[in-house]
Protein backbone atom coordinates (compact mmCIF):
# COMPACT_ATOMS: atom_id res chain seq x y z
CA MET A 1 1.00 -1.02 27.67
CA ALA A 2 -1.98 0.07 30.74
CA ARG A 3 -2.15 3.65 30.93
CA SER A 4 -2.91 5.40 34.41
CA PHE A 5 -5.43 7.73 34.47
CA ASP A 6 -3.37 10.94 35.90
CA ASP A 7 -1.34 14.29 35.11
CA ALA A 8 1.47 12.18 34.11
CA THR A 9 -0.48 10.57 31.22
CA ARG A 10 -2.47 13.40 30.20
CA ARG A 11 0.78 15.41 29.76
CA ASN A 12 2.25 12.62 27.75
CA ILE A 13 -1.10 12.29 25.48
CA ALA A 14 -1.12 16.15 24.91
CA GLU A 15 2.92 15.95 23.93
CA LEU A 16 2.25 13.43 21.22
CA VAL A 17 -1.20 14.93 20.05
CA ALA A 18 0.96 18.57 19.87
CA ALA A 19 3.65 16.61 17.78
CA PHE A 20 1.00 14.74 15.24
CA SER A 21 1.36 16.78 11.78
CA ARG A 22 -2.32 16.82 11.53
CA ALA A 23 -3.34 16.72 7.35
CA THR A 24 -6.15 18.85 6.48
CA ALA A 25 -8.76 18.33 3.85
CA ASP A 26 -6.85 21.01 1.68
CA GLU A 27 -3.86 18.31 2.04
CA PRO A 28 -2.81 17.72 -0.89
CA GLU A 29 -6.06 18.84 -2.59
CA PRO A 30 -8.75 20.08 -1.61
CA GLU A 31 -11.98 18.04 -0.66
CA PRO A 32 -15.54 17.80 -2.78
CA ALA A 33 -17.78 19.57 -0.89
CA LEU A 34 -18.62 17.69 1.87
CA LYS A 35 -20.83 18.33 5.02
CA ARG A 36 -18.66 19.21 8.21
CA ALA A 37 -18.72 17.10 11.31
CA ALA A 38 -16.75 15.84 14.55
CA VAL A 39 -16.30 13.78 16.48
CA VAL A 40 -14.71 13.46 20.46
CA ILE A 41 -11.99 11.08 21.37
CA ALA A 42 -12.90 11.62 25.20
CA LEU A 43 -10.52 10.35 27.57
CA THR A 44 -11.62 9.32 31.01
CA GLU A 45 -11.05 6.68 33.87
CA SER A 46 -11.58 3.17 32.89
CA GLU A 47 -14.48 1.41 34.15
CA ASN A 48 -12.47 -0.80 36.65
CA GLY A 49 -10.71 2.73 37.48
CA GLY A 50 -6.59 3.67 37.20
CA GLU A 51 -6.35 3.36 33.74
CA THR A 52 -6.83 5.91 31.07
CA ALA A 53 -9.89 5.14 28.97
CA PHE A 54 -11.77 6.14 25.44
CA LEU A 55 -15.45 6.67 25.20
CA LEU A 56 -17.34 4.69 22.42
CA THR A 57 -21.12 4.26 22.12
CA ARG A 58 -23.98 2.42 20.10
CA ARG A 59 -26.06 4.18 18.35
CA ALA A 60 -29.98 4.43 18.77
CA GLU A 61 -31.86 1.98 17.06
CA GLY A 62 -34.16 5.14 16.08
CA LEU A 63 -31.85 7.11 14.67
CA ARG A 64 -32.30 7.64 10.39
CA SER A 65 -28.56 7.07 9.53
CA HIS A 66 -25.70 4.28 10.81
CA SER A 67 -28.73 3.46 13.65
CA ALA A 68 -27.29 1.16 16.21
CA GLN A 69 -23.50 1.18 15.06
CA TRP A 70 -20.62 1.48 17.01
CA ALA A 71 -19.33 5.46 17.11
CA LEU A 72 -17.71 7.85 18.67
CA PRO A 73 -19.64 11.00 20.14
CA GLY A 74 -20.26 13.38 17.47
CA GLY A 75 -22.30 14.93 14.84
CA ARG A 76 -22.61 17.55 11.91
CA CYS A 77 -21.08 21.02 12.71
CA ASP A 78 -23.54 23.13 12.85
CA PRO A 79 -23.57 26.97 10.90
CA GLY A 80 -20.69 28.67 12.42
CA GLU A 81 -19.06 26.39 14.48
CA THR A 82 -15.66 25.50 14.60
CA GLN A 83 -14.99 21.75 14.94
CA VAL A 84 -14.04 22.02 18.43
CA GLN A 85 -17.09 23.82 19.18
CA SER A 86 -18.98 21.19 17.37
CA ALA A 87 -17.27 17.93 19.04
CA LEU A 88 -17.93 19.75 22.60
CA ARG A 89 -21.77 20.34 22.10
CA GLU A 90 -22.06 16.52 20.91
CA LEU A 91 -20.00 15.27 23.79
CA HIS A 92 -22.73 17.26 26.10
CA GLU A 93 -25.99 16.54 23.94
CA GLU A 94 -25.18 12.75 23.45
CA LEU A 95 -23.48 11.78 27.01
CA GLY A 96 -24.10 15.01 29.36
CA LEU A 97 -20.53 15.45 29.64
CA GLU A 98 -19.74 18.87 29.53
CA LEU A 99 -16.42 19.89 28.73
CA GLY A 100 -14.57 23.38 27.88
CA GLU A 101 -11.84 24.22 24.94
CA GLY A 102 -9.27 24.20 27.85
CA ASP A 103 -9.76 20.00 27.82
CA VAL A 104 -8.74 19.64 24.46
CA LEU A 105 -5.43 18.43 23.12
CA GLY A 106 -5.25 18.47 19.82
CA LEU A 107 -6.82 17.57 16.81
CA LEU A 108 -6.41 14.65 14.03
CA ASP A 109 -6.57 14.51 10.49
CA ASP A 110 -10.01 15.33 8.56
CA TYR A 111 -11.70 11.65 7.42
CA PRO A 112 -14.00 11.40 4.18
CA THR A 113 -16.71 9.44 4.43
CA ARG A 114 -18.55 7.64 1.53
CA SER A 115 -21.90 9.17 2.97
CA GLY A 116 -20.57 12.86 2.79
CA TYR A 117 -18.89 13.94 5.63
CA LEU A 118 -15.69 15.23 6.17
CA ILE A 119 -15.08 14.30 9.88
CA THR A 120 -12.29 16.17 12.55
CA PRO A 121 -11.78 14.37 15.43
CA VAL A 122 -10.93 15.68 18.31
CA VAL A 123 -8.90 14.67 21.52
CA VAL A 124 -10.16 15.64 24.80
CA TRP A 125 -9.21 15.02 28.52
CA ALA A 126 -12.04 14.96 31.07
CA SER A 127 -10.50 15.65 34.41
CA THR A 128 -12.59 13.22 36.47
CA LYS A 129 -14.02 9.75 36.57
CA ALA A 130 -16.76 11.67 34.14
CA ALA A 131 -20.26 10.71 35.23
CA LEU A 132 -22.38 10.20 31.79
CA VAL A 133 -25.79 10.30 31.37
CA PRO A 134 -26.75 9.27 27.75
CA ASN A 135 -29.14 10.27 25.74
CA PRO A 136 -31.38 7.61 24.63
CA ALA A 137 -32.88 9.43 21.71
CA GLU A 138 -29.07 9.40 20.31
CA VAL A 139 -27.19 6.75 22.41
CA ALA A 140 -28.43 3.21 23.15
CA SER A 141 -25.28 2.45 24.85
CA VAL A 142 -21.98 3.87 26.10
CA HIS A 143 -18.69 2.32 27.15
CA ARG A 144 -15.11 3.34 28.21
CA ILE A 145 -12.27 1.19 26.40
CA ALA A 146 -8.84 1.06 27.81
CA LEU A 147 -6.31 2.58 26.04
CA ASP A 148 -4.31 -0.59 25.92
CA GLU A 149 -7.03 -2.06 24.16
CA ILE A 150 -6.19 -0.38 20.94
CA GLU A 151 -2.61 -0.88 21.63
CA GLN A 152 -2.58 -4.47 21.27
CA GLN A 153 -0.72 -5.86 18.07
CA ASP A 154 -3.67 -7.58 16.96
CA ALA A 155 -6.54 -4.88 17.67
CA PHE A 156 -6.71 -3.80 13.88
CA SER A 157 -7.29 -5.87 10.81
CA PHE A 158 -7.06 -5.08 6.95
CA THR A 159 -9.35 -6.84 4.75
CA LYS A 160 -10.57 -6.34 0.93
CA ILE A 161 -14.16 -5.88 -0.54
CA PRO A 162 -15.13 -6.43 -4.09
CA GLU A 163 -16.54 -2.94 -4.63
CA SER A 164 -13.01 -0.79 -3.78
CA THR A 165 -9.48 -1.22 -4.49
CA ARG A 166 -9.11 0.49 -0.95
CA ARG A 167 -8.41 -1.59 2.45
CA VAL A 168 -10.84 -1.99 4.68
CA ILE A 169 -9.86 -1.17 8.47
CA ARG A 170 -11.63 -3.26 11.14
CA PHE A 171 -11.09 -3.05 15.17
CA ARG A 172 -11.78 -6.32 16.90
CA LEU A 173 -13.61 -5.53 20.40
CA ALA A 174 -14.90 -8.14 22.36
CA GLY A 175 -15.27 -10.47 19.30
CA GLN A 176 -16.91 -7.75 17.06
CA HIS A 177 -15.55 -5.76 14.29
CA ILE A 178 -16.10 -2.41 14.10
CA HIS A 179 -15.71 -0.88 10.93
CA ALA A 180 -14.60 3.03 9.70
CA PRO A 181 -15.09 6.04 10.33
CA THR A 182 -14.94 5.01 13.44
CA ALA A 183 -12.52 2.06 13.06
CA ALA A 184 -10.19 4.40 10.97
CA LEU A 185 -10.12 7.49 13.31
CA ILE A 186 -9.46 5.15 16.52
CA TYR A 187 -6.82 3.56 14.90
CA GLN A 188 -4.91 6.57 13.81
CA PHE A 189 -5.19 7.95 17.43
CA SER A 190 -3.52 4.32 18.60
CA GLU A 191 -0.77 5.18 15.56
CA VAL A 192 -0.33 8.75 17.39
CA LEU A 193 0.17 7.18 21.11
CA SER A 194 2.88 5.24 19.36
CA GLY A 195 4.45 8.59 18.43
CA ARG A 196 3.55 7.68 14.11
CA ASN A 197 1.98 10.05 11.87
CA THR A 198 0.42 7.64 9.81
CA ARG A 199 -2.63 8.14 7.57
CA VAL A 200 -5.83 7.33 6.86
CA ALA A 201 -8.12 9.04 5.13
CA GLU A 202 -7.49 6.30 2.24
CA LEU A 203 -8.80 3.32 4.48
CA GLU A 204 -11.92 2.30 2.91
CA GLN A 205 -15.35 1.55 4.94
CA PRO A 206 -17.95 -1.25 4.35
CA VAL A 207 -20.45 -0.71 1.85
CA PHE A 208 -23.02 -0.92 4.07
CA ALA A 209 -21.43 2.64 5.87
CA TRP A 210 -21.49 4.12 2.84
CA LYS A 211 -25.03 6.02 2.63
């Protein structure tokens, strides 16, 4: 369903995220040593206006790791940073969008990646149709994805790979498949929008994302 970009939608999503029972890396048992990272599910106005969307980027081809892949804005936490502080800093560095902790609606589950990171998704609300200035060193392109795109019944699919017993999740967007970790985080957010506490830490990534 289409969600209007207005205060009522902000309150509704804030309530859904607040009601979400977040699982941290210490549940049910501590994770091995992983590097902390944070990404942003940044909610803003859709390209055509009127609807709520989130920001999705295509990483620059010159990056040393995961170049040209689809991603939520974010990156590794600096020493002494909280996940929220890291997420907001990365959002500003990548897209020129400066928000404060008052714009944060909440956090979703920590997601451990095959490449050695523990990612915390931070849901934020940009109160206006955000003017974006992508950093070309990090971002090839930025896209506003309307929330109804991830609430469609066929938006996500699951498959198997020989290298793992775990299900690989895929997010279908404009004829392409976006994989985990990005797909897993977006999937959990879509489940939160439906009022469900769905875990995603065991959803697998394709082999090309393991490094």
